[in-house]
Amino acid sequence: MFKNLLLSVLLTLPLQSGLAADSARLPELLAQDASQLAVKPSQAAVIAQDAYPGSKVLGVKLLPSGQYAVTLKIGGSVQKVLVNATTGAIG
């Protein structure tokens, strides 16, 4: 039920929000979870840390776009790094 409600809400968002392209894939993305992806959350964290040596992982979240948003603390700042959940590419 929650997935249907979330799908309904996201499909009613304005097209200029940038979610229009992802809304077509939304049912597929909602059906999968991190255990079904090629790149696991812990692997996404390592990939992001490798790109920013000395950083500390604060969190990892799977986005509807099929990417992980890895939150890193780099020195005194906080930065989000996107890691593709299928390929592991940073982008």
PDB file of N, CA and C in Angstrom:
ATOM      1  N   MET A   1       0.824  -1.183   0.000  1.00  0.00           N
ATOM      2  CA  MET A   1       0.000   0.000   0.000  1.00  0.00           C
ATOM      3  C   MET A   1       0.878   1.259   0.000  1.00  0.00           C
ATOM      4  N   PHE A   2       1.937   1.251   0.799  1.00  0.00           N
ATOM      5  CA  PHE A   2       2.830   2.409   0.863  1.00  0.00           C
ATOM      6  C   PHE A   2       3.454   2.681  -0.494  1.00  0.00           C
ATOM      7  N   LYS A   3       3.857   1.610  -1.197  1.00  0.00           N
ATOM      8  CA  LYS A   3       4.469   1.792  -2.516  1.00  0.00           C
ATOM      9  C   LYS A   3       3.491   2.443  -3.481  1.00  0.00           C
ATOM     10  N   ASN A   4       2.209   2.025  -3.431  1.00  0.00           N
ATOM     11  CA  ASN A   4       1.202   2.613  -4.317  1.00  0.00           C
ATOM     12  C   ASN A   4       0.976   4.081  -3.995  1.00  0.00           C
ATOM     13  N   LEU A   5       0.940   4.418  -2.708  1.00  0.00           N
ATOM     14  CA  LEU A   5       0.768   5.800  -2.294  1.00  0.00           C
ATOM     15  C   LEU A   5       1.958   6.634  -2.749  1.00  0.00           C
ATOM     16  N   LEU A   6       3.166   6.128  -2.529  1.00  0.00           N
ATOM     17  CA  LEU A   6       4.372   6.838  -2.945  1.00  0.00           C
ATOM     18  C   LEU A   6       4.384   7.023  -4.452  1.00  0.00           C
ATOM     19  N   LEU A   7       4.021   6.001  -5.191  1.00  0.00           N
ATOM     20  CA  LEU A   7       3.975   6.087  -6.646  1.00  0.00           C
ATOM     21  C   LEU A   7       2.975   7.151  -7.075  1.00  0.00           C
ATOM     22  N   SER A   8       1.805   7.194  -6.457  1.00  0.00           N
ATOM     23  CA  SER A   8       0.790   8.190  -6.796  1.00  0.00           C
ATOM     24  C   SER A   8       1.287   9.596  -6.549  1.00  0.00           C
ATOM     25  N   VAL A   9       1.948   9.802  -5.428  1.00  0.00           N
ATOM     26  CA  VAL A   9       2.462  11.129  -5.092  1.00  0.00           C
ATOM     27  C   VAL A   9       3.542  11.543  -6.069  1.00  0.00           C
ATOM     28  N   LEU A  10       4.481  10.664  -6.343  1.00  0.00           N
ATOM     29  CA  LEU A  10       5.582  11.012  -7.229  1.00  0.00           C
ATOM     30  C   LEU A  10       5.132  11.250  -8.666  1.00  0.00           C
ATOM     31  N   LEU A  11       4.112  10.538  -9.108  1.00  0.00           N
ATOM     32  CA  LEU A  11       3.638  10.718 -10.477  1.00  0.00           C
ATOM     33  C   LEU A  11       2.860  12.015 -10.655  1.00  0.00           C
ATOM     34  N   THR A  12       2.432  12.630  -9.568  1.00  0.00           N
ATOM     35  CA  THR A  12       1.707  13.891  -9.664  1.00  0.00           C
ATOM     36  C   THR A  12       2.624  15.104  -9.528  1.00  0.00           C
ATOM     37  N   LEU A  13       3.918  14.889  -9.313  1.00  0.00           N
ATOM     38  CA  LEU A  13       4.856  16.001  -9.221  1.00  0.00           C
ATOM     39  C   LEU A  13       5.000  16.685 -10.574  1.00  0.00           C
ATOM     40  N   PRO A  14       5.266  17.971 -10.566  1.00  0.00           N
ATOM     41  CA  PRO A  14       5.438  18.683 -11.844  1.00  0.00           C
ATOM     42  C   PRO A  14       6.593  18.108 -12.655  1.00  0.00           C
ATOM     43  N   LEU A  15       6.477  18.186 -13.970  1.00  0.00           N
ATOM     44  CA  LEU A  15       7.508  17.652 -14.846  1.00  0.00           C
ATOM     45  C   LEU A  15       8.829  18.377 -14.687  1.00  0.00           C
ATOM     46  N   GLN A  16       8.811  19.668 -14.373  1.00  0.00           N
ATOM     47  CA  GLN A  16      10.050  20.410 -14.241  1.00  0.00           C
ATOM     48  C   GLN A  16      10.830  20.029 -12.988  1.00  0.00           C
ATOM     49  N   SER A  17      10.300  19.160 -12.159  1.00  0.00           N
ATOM     50  CA  SER A  17      11.016  18.778 -10.942  1.00  0.00           C
ATOM     51  C   SER A  17      12.206  17.875 -11.235  1.00  0.00           C
ATOM     52  N   GLY A  18      12.319  17.366 -12.455  1.00  0.00           N
ATOM     53  CA  GLY A  18      13.434  16.493 -12.797  1.00  0.00           C
ATOM     54  C   GLY A  18      13.133  15.026 -12.533  1.00  0.00           C
ATOM     55  N   LEU A  19      11.968  14.728 -11.988  1.00  0.00           N
ATOM     56  CA  LEU A  19      11.616  13.347 -11.691  1.00  0.00           C
ATOM     57  C   LEU A  19      10.849  12.685 -12.829  1.00  0.00           C
ATOM     58  N   ALA A  20      10.527  13.425 -13.859  1.00  0.00           N
ATOM     59  CA  ALA A  20       9.714  12.873 -14.940  1.00  0.00           C
ATOM     60  C   ALA A  20      10.364  11.655 -15.572  1.00  0.00           C
ATOM     61  N   ALA A  21      11.659  11.727 -15.822  1.00  0.00           N
ATOM     62  CA  ALA A  21      12.360  10.603 -16.449  1.00  0.00           C
ATOM     63  C   ALA A  21      12.381   9.392 -15.528  1.00  0.00           C
ATOM     64  N   ASP A  22      12.554   9.620 -14.228  1.00  0.00           N
ATOM     65  CA  ASP A  22      12.616   8.517 -13.276  1.00  0.00           C
ATOM     66  C   ASP A  22      11.245   7.932 -12.992  1.00  0.00           C
ATOM     67  N   SER A  23      10.165   8.695 -13.183  1.00  0.00           N
ATOM     68  CA  SER A  23       8.836   8.198 -12.847  1.00  0.00           C
ATOM     69  C   SER A  23       8.444   7.010 -13.708  1.00  0.00           C
ATOM     70  N   ALA A  24       8.963   6.928 -14.921  1.00  0.00           N
ATOM     71  CA  ALA A  24       8.669   5.783 -15.779  1.00  0.00           C
ATOM     72  C   ALA A  24       9.269   4.503 -15.215  1.00  0.00           C
ATOM     73  N   ARG A  25      10.394   4.621 -14.528  1.00  0.00           N
ATOM     74  CA  ARG A  25      11.078   3.459 -13.953  1.00  0.00           C
ATOM     75  C   ARG A  25      10.707   3.238 -12.489  1.00  0.00           C
ATOM     76  N   LEU A  26       9.878   4.106 -11.928  1.00  0.00           N
ATOM     77  CA  LEU A  26       9.613   4.058 -10.502  1.00  0.00           C
ATOM     78  C   LEU A  26       9.076   2.713 -10.013  1.00  0.00           C
ATOM     79  N   PRO A  27       8.079   2.097 -10.668  1.00  0.00           N
ATOM     80  CA  PRO A  27       7.615   0.797 -10.173  1.00  0.00           C
ATOM     81  C   PRO A  27       8.743  -0.237 -10.110  1.00  0.00           C
ATOM     82  N   GLU A  28       9.597  -0.235 -11.124  1.00  0.00           N
ATOM     83  CA  GLU A  28      10.737  -1.163 -11.146  1.00  0.00           C
ATOM     84  C   GLU A  28      11.704  -0.872  -9.995  1.00  0.00           C
ATOM     85  N   LEU A  29      11.981   0.401  -9.785  1.00  0.00           N
ATOM     86  CA  LEU A  29      12.922   0.779  -8.732  1.00  0.00           C
ATOM     87  C   LEU A  29      12.359   0.504  -7.345  1.00  0.00           C
ATOM     88  N   LEU A  30      11.061   0.708  -7.163  1.00  0.00           N
ATOM     89  CA  LEU A  30      10.457   0.431  -5.864  1.00  0.00           C
ATOM     90  C   LEU A  30      10.428  -1.063  -5.570  1.00  0.00           C
ATOM     91  N   ALA A  31      10.354  -1.885  -6.626  1.00  0.00           N
ATOM     92  CA  ALA A  31      10.292  -3.332  -6.445  1.00  0.00           C
ATOM     93  C   ALA A  31      11.637  -3.914  -6.040  1.00  0.00           C
ATOM     94  N   GLN A  32      12.707  -3.238  -6.397  1.00  0.00           N
ATOM     95  CA  GLN A  32      14.028  -3.769  -6.056  1.00  0.00           C
ATOM     96  C   GLN A  32      14.498  -3.165  -4.737  1.00  0.00           C
ATOM     97  N   ASP A  33      15.329  -3.886  -4.079  1.00  0.00           N
ATOM     98  CA  ASP A  33      15.963  -3.338  -2.888  1.00  0.00           C
ATOM     99  C   ASP A  33      17.465  -3.540  -3.028  1.00  0.00           C
ATOM    100  N   ALA A  34      18.189  -3.081  -2.066  1.00  0.00           N
ATOM    101  CA  ALA A  34      19.651  -3.109  -2.160  1.00  0.00           C
ATOM    102  C   ALA A  34      20.198  -4.522  -2.333  1.00  0.00           C
ATOM    103  N   SER A  35      19.491  -5.540  -1.829  1.00  0.00           N
ATOM    104  CA  SER A  35      20.001  -6.912  -1.939  1.00  0.00           C
ATOM    105  C   SER A  35      19.947  -7.431  -3.378  1.00  0.00           C
ATOM    106  N   GLN A  36      19.174  -6.782  -4.249  1.00  0.00           N
ATOM    107  CA  GLN A  36      19.045  -7.229  -5.637  1.00  0.00           C
ATOM    108  C   GLN A  36      19.937  -6.442  -6.590  1.00  0.00           C
ATOM    109  N   LEU A  37      20.672  -5.488  -6.083  1.00  0.00           N
ATOM    110  CA  LEU A  37      21.508  -4.647  -6.932  1.00  0.00           C
ATOM    111  C   LEU A  37      22.913  -5.203  -7.020  1.00  0.00           C
ATOM    112  N   ALA A  38      23.597  -4.886  -8.124  1.00  0.00           N
ATOM    113  CA  ALA A  38      24.967  -5.363  -8.327  1.00  0.00           C
ATOM    114  C   ALA A  38      25.921  -4.761  -7.301  1.00  0.00           C
ATOM    115  N   VAL A  39      25.689  -3.512  -6.935  1.00  0.00           N
ATOM    116  CA  VAL A  39      26.544  -2.820  -5.966  1.00  0.00           C
ATOM    117  C   VAL A  39      25.769  -2.703  -4.656  1.00  0.00           C
ATOM    118  N   LYS A  40      26.332  -3.222  -3.603  1.00  0.00           N
ATOM    119  CA  LYS A  40      25.712  -3.163  -2.273  1.00  0.00           C
ATOM    120  C   LYS A  40      26.019  -1.810  -1.624  1.00  0.00           C
ATOM    121  N   PRO A  41      25.213  -1.399  -0.638  1.00  0.00           N
ATOM    122  CA  PRO A  41      25.471  -0.124   0.033  1.00  0.00           C
ATOM    123  C   PRO A  41      26.882  -0.013   0.603  1.00  0.00           C
ATOM    124  N   SER A  42      27.385  -1.089   1.177  1.00  0.00           N
ATOM    125  CA  SER A  42      28.742  -1.047   1.745  1.00  0.00           C
ATOM    126  C   SER A  42      29.796  -0.861   0.652  1.00  0.00           C
ATOM    127  N   GLN A  43      29.540  -1.449  -0.535  1.00  0.00           N
ATOM    128  CA  GLN A  43      30.466  -1.277  -1.656  1.00  0.00           C
ATOM    129  C   GLN A  43      30.418   0.155  -2.185  1.00  0.00           C
ATOM    130  N   ALA A  44      29.223   0.738  -2.218  1.00  0.00           N
ATOM    131  CA  ALA A  44      29.085   2.130  -2.650  1.00  0.00           C
ATOM    132  C   ALA A  44      29.860   3.050  -1.715  1.00  0.00           C
ATOM    133  N   ALA A  45      29.827   2.740  -0.428  1.00  0.00           N
ATOM    134  CA  ALA A  45      30.568   3.542   0.548  1.00  0.00           C
ATOM    135  C   ALA A  45      32.067   3.463   0.289  1.00  0.00           C
ATOM    136  N   VAL A  46      32.570   2.275   0.002  1.00  0.00           N
ATOM    137  CA  VAL A  46      33.999   2.094  -0.274  1.00  0.00           C
ATOM    138  C   VAL A  46      34.387   2.815  -1.565  1.00  0.00           C
ATOM    139  N   ILE A  47      33.547   2.723  -2.586  1.00  0.00           N
ATOM    140  CA  ILE A  47      33.821   3.394  -3.857  1.00  0.00           C
ATOM    141  C   ILE A  47      33.924   4.905  -3.645  1.00  0.00           C
ATOM    142  N   ALA A  48      32.978   5.458  -2.883  1.00  0.00           N
ATOM    143  CA  ALA A  48      32.995   6.903  -2.618  1.00  0.00           C
ATOM    144  C   ALA A  48      34.224   7.294  -1.802  1.00  0.00           C
ATOM    145  N   GLN A  49      34.555   6.478  -0.799  1.00  0.00           N
ATOM    146  CA  GLN A  49      35.741   6.774   0.023  1.00  0.00           C
ATOM    147  C   GLN A  49      37.022   6.691  -0.793  1.00  0.00           C
ATOM    148  N   ASP A  50      37.078   5.754  -1.715  1.00  0.00           N
ATOM    149  CA  ASP A  50      38.256   5.638  -2.575  1.00  0.00           C
ATOM    150  C   ASP A  50      38.433   6.891  -3.441  1.00  0.00           C
ATOM    151  N   ALA A  51      37.323   7.482  -3.839  1.00  0.00           N
ATOM    152  CA  ALA A  51      37.378   8.696  -4.658  1.00  0.00           C
ATOM    153  C   ALA A  51      37.798   9.910  -3.831  1.00  0.00           C
ATOM    154  N   TYR A  52      37.547   9.855  -2.519  1.00  0.00           N
ATOM    155  CA  TYR A  52      37.892  10.954  -1.611  1.00  0.00           C
ATOM    156  C   TYR A  52      38.672  10.385  -0.422  1.00  0.00           C
ATOM    157  N   PRO A  53      39.949  10.109  -0.615  1.00  0.00           N
ATOM    158  CA  PRO A  53      40.764   9.522   0.463  1.00  0.00           C
ATOM    159  C   PRO A  53      40.728  10.391   1.729  1.00  0.00           C
ATOM    160  N   GLY A  54      40.659   9.724   2.856  1.00  0.00           N
ATOM    161  CA  GLY A  54      40.622  10.423   4.137  1.00  0.00           C
ATOM    162  C   GLY A  54      39.222  10.836   4.569  1.00  0.00           C
ATOM    163  N   SER A  55      38.230  10.543   3.735  1.00  0.00           N
ATOM    164  CA  SER A  55      36.861  10.915   4.079  1.00  0.00           C
ATOM    165  C   SER A  55      36.248   9.890   5.029  1.00  0.00           C
ATOM    166  N   LYS A  56      35.155  10.309   5.669  1.00  0.00           N
ATOM    167  CA  LYS A  56      34.429   9.426   6.581  1.00  0.00           C
ATOM    168  C   LYS A  56      32.986   9.316   6.079  1.00  0.00           C
ATOM    169  N   VAL A  57      32.478   8.090   5.979  1.00  0.00           N
ATOM    170  CA  VAL A  57      31.111   7.870   5.510  1.00  0.00           C
ATOM    171  C   VAL A  57      30.135   8.188   6.637  1.00  0.00           C
ATOM    172  N   LEU A  58      29.192   9.077   6.335  1.00  0.00           N
ATOM    173  CA  LEU A  58      28.160   9.433   7.308  1.00  0.00           C
ATOM    174  C   LEU A  58      26.852   8.710   7.032  1.00  0.00           C
ATOM    175  N   GLY A  59      26.651   8.289   5.771  1.00  0.00           N
ATOM    176  CA  GLY A  59      25.415   7.588   5.433  1.00  0.00           C
ATOM    177  C   GLY A  59      25.380   7.181   3.980  1.00  0.00           C
ATOM    178  N   VAL A  60      24.529   6.194   3.683  1.00  0.00           N
ATOM    179  CA  VAL A  60      24.324   5.711   2.308  1.00  0.00           C
ATOM    180  C   VAL A  60      22.822   5.527   2.125  1.00  0.00           C
ATOM    181  N   LYS A  61      22.294   6.113   1.028  1.00  0.00           N
ATOM    182  CA  LYS A  61      20.860   6.017   0.758  1.00  0.00           C
ATOM    183  C   LYS A  61      20.650   5.670  -0.708  1.00  0.00           C
ATOM    184  N   LEU A  62      19.774   4.691  -0.981  1.00  0.00           N
ATOM    185  CA  LEU A  62      19.419   4.333  -2.353  1.00  0.00           C
ATOM    186  C   LEU A  62      18.351   5.291  -2.852  1.00  0.00           C
ATOM    187  N   LEU A  63      18.616   5.959  -3.968  1.00  0.00           N
ATOM    188  CA  LEU A  63      17.694   6.928  -4.549  1.00  0.00           C
ATOM    189  C   LEU A  63      16.828   6.265  -5.612  1.00  0.00           C
ATOM    190  N   PRO A  64      15.658   6.838  -5.913  1.00  0.00           N
ATOM    191  CA  PRO A  64      14.797   6.286  -6.965  1.00  0.00           C
ATOM    192  C   PRO A  64      15.466   6.250  -8.334  1.00  0.00           C
ATOM    193  N   SER A  65      16.496   7.039  -8.529  1.00  0.00           N
ATOM    194  CA  SER A  65      17.198   7.077  -9.811  1.00  0.00           C
ATOM    195  C   SER A  65      18.085   5.858 -10.036  1.00  0.00           C
ATOM    196  N   GLY A  66      18.220   4.996  -9.009  1.00  0.00           N
ATOM    197  CA  GLY A  66      19.087   3.826  -9.146  1.00  0.00           C
ATOM    198  C   GLY A  66      20.521   4.137  -8.764  1.00  0.00           C
ATOM    199  N   GLN A  67      20.706   5.194  -8.010  1.00  0.00           N
ATOM    200  CA  GLN A  67      22.027   5.577  -7.526  1.00  0.00           C
ATOM    201  C   GLN A  67      22.005   5.622  -6.010  1.00  0.00           C
ATOM    202  N   TYR A  68      23.175   5.401  -5.434  1.00  0.00           N
ATOM    203  CA  TYR A  68      23.330   5.610  -3.999  1.00  0.00           C
ATOM    204  C   TYR A  68      23.821   7.036  -3.784  1.00  0.00           C
ATOM    205  N   ALA A  69      23.259   7.705  -2.808  1.00  0.00           N
ATOM    206  CA  ALA A  69      23.787   8.987  -2.355  1.00  0.00           C
ATOM    207  C   ALA A  69      24.613   8.666  -1.116  1.00  0.00           C
ATOM    208  N   VAL A  70      25.919   8.778  -1.254  1.00  0.00           N
ATOM    209  CA  VAL A  70      26.824   8.493  -0.141  1.00  0.00           C
ATOM    210  C   VAL A  70      27.223   9.839   0.458  1.00  0.00           C
ATOM    211  N   THR A  71      26.904  10.028   1.737  1.00  0.00           N
ATOM    212  CA  THR A  71      27.248  11.269   2.413  1.00  0.00           C
ATOM    213  C   THR A  71      28.600  11.082   3.091  1.00  0.00           C
ATOM    214  N   LEU A  72      29.535  11.956   2.723  1.00  0.00           N
ATOM    215  CA  LEU A  72      30.899  11.879   3.253  1.00  0.00           C
ATOM    216  C   LEU A  72      31.246  13.134   4.033  1.00  0.00           C
ATOM    217  N   LYS A  73      32.036  12.966   5.056  1.00  0.00           N
ATOM    218  CA  LYS A  73      32.651  14.104   5.733  1.00  0.00           C
ATOM    219  C   LYS A  73      34.081  14.175   5.215  1.00  0.00           C
ATOM    220  N   ILE A  74      34.394  15.287   4.576  1.00  0.00           N
ATOM    221  CA  ILE A  74      35.711  15.484   3.985  1.00  0.00           C
ATOM    222  C   ILE A  74      36.309  16.715   4.641  1.00  0.00           C
ATOM    223  N   GLY A  75      37.281  16.489   5.498  1.00  0.00           N
ATOM    224  CA  GLY A  75      37.829  17.605   6.260  1.00  0.00           C
ATOM    225  C   GLY A  75      36.741  18.190   7.136  1.00  0.00           C
ATOM    226  N   GLY A  76      36.457  19.467   6.966  1.00  0.00           N
ATOM    227  CA  GLY A  76      35.416  20.110   7.761  1.00  0.00           C
ATOM    228  C   GLY A  76      34.094  20.240   7.040  1.00  0.00           C
ATOM    229  N   SER A  77      33.968  19.673   5.835  1.00  0.00           N
ATOM    230  CA  SER A  77      32.721  19.823   5.082  1.00  0.00           C
ATOM    231  C   SER A  77      32.043  18.475   4.854  1.00  0.00           C
ATOM    232  N   VAL A  78      30.771  18.552   4.513  1.00  0.00           N
ATOM    233  CA  VAL A  78      29.978  17.358   4.205  1.00  0.00           C
ATOM    234  C   VAL A  78      29.607  17.427   2.729  1.00  0.00           C
ATOM    235  N   GLN A  79      29.771  16.298   2.031  1.00  0.00           N
ATOM    236  CA  GLN A  79      29.506  16.247   0.600  1.00  0.00           C
ATOM    237  C   GLN A  79      28.777  14.961   0.260  1.00  0.00           C
ATOM    238  N   LYS A  80      27.868  15.036  -0.719  1.00  0.00           N
ATOM    239  CA  LYS A  80      27.186  13.843  -1.224  1.00  0.00           C
ATOM    240  C   LYS A  80      27.859  13.400  -2.513  1.00  0.00           C
ATOM    241  N   VAL A  81      28.090  12.105  -2.617  1.00  0.00           N
ATOM    242  CA  VAL A  81      28.691  11.513  -3.811  1.00  0.00           C
ATOM    243  C   VAL A  81      27.681  10.492  -4.337  1.00  0.00           C
ATOM    244  N   LEU A  82      27.377  10.559  -5.627  1.00  0.00           N
ATOM    245  CA  LEU A  82      26.442   9.615  -6.241  1.00  0.00           C
ATOM    246  C   LEU A  82      27.210   8.443  -6.838  1.00  0.00           C
ATOM    247  N   VAL A  83      26.755   7.229  -6.484  1.00  0.00           N
ATOM    248  CA  VAL A  83      27.378   6.004  -6.993  1.00  0.00           C
ATOM    249  C   VAL A  83      26.280   5.181  -7.662  1.00  0.00           C
ATOM    250  N   ASN A  84      26.491   4.819  -8.919  1.00  0.00           N
ATOM    251  CA  ASN A  84      25.525   4.027  -9.659  1.00  0.00           C
ATOM    252  C   ASN A  84      25.389   2.656  -9.011  1.00  0.00           C
ATOM    253  N   ALA A  85      24.163   2.256  -8.679  1.00  0.00           N
ATOM    254  CA  ALA A  85      23.919   0.999  -7.973  1.00  0.00           C
ATOM    255  C   ALA A  85      24.083  -0.224  -8.863  1.00  0.00           C
ATOM    256  N   THR A  86      24.159  -0.026 -10.173  1.00  0.00           N
ATOM    257  CA  THR A  86      24.343  -1.142 -11.093  1.00  0.00           C
ATOM    258  C   THR A  86      25.792  -1.306 -11.505  1.00  0.00           C
ATOM    259  N   THR A  87      26.443  -0.178 -11.821  1.00  0.00           N
ATOM    260  CA  THR A  87      27.813  -0.235 -12.358  1.00  0.00           C
ATOM    261  C   THR A  87      28.902   0.145 -11.355  1.00  0.00           C
ATOM    262  N   GLY A  88      28.531   0.880 -10.312  1.00  0.00           N
ATOM    263  CA  GLY A  88      29.522   1.354  -9.346  1.00  0.00           C
ATOM    264  C   GLY A  88      30.229   2.622  -9.787  1.00  0.00           C
ATOM    265  N   ALA A  89      29.825   3.166 -10.918  1.00  0.00           N
ATOM    266  CA  ALA A  89      30.450   4.389 -11.418  1.00  0.00           C
ATOM    267  C   ALA A  89      30.014   5.581 -10.585  1.00  0.00           C
ATOM    268  N   ILE A  90      30.947   6.502 -10.401  1.00  0.00           N
ATOM    269  CA  ILE A  90      30.631   7.743  -9.690  1.00  0.00           C
ATOM    270  C   ILE A  90      30.107   8.729 -10.729  1.00  0.00           C
ATOM    271  N   GLY A  91      29.024   9.390 -10.368  1.00  0.00           N
ATOM    272  CA  GLY A  91      28.479  10.345 -11.338  1.00  0.00           C
ATOM    273  C   GLY A  91      27.431  11.227 -10.786  1.00  0.00           C
TER     274      GLY A  91
END
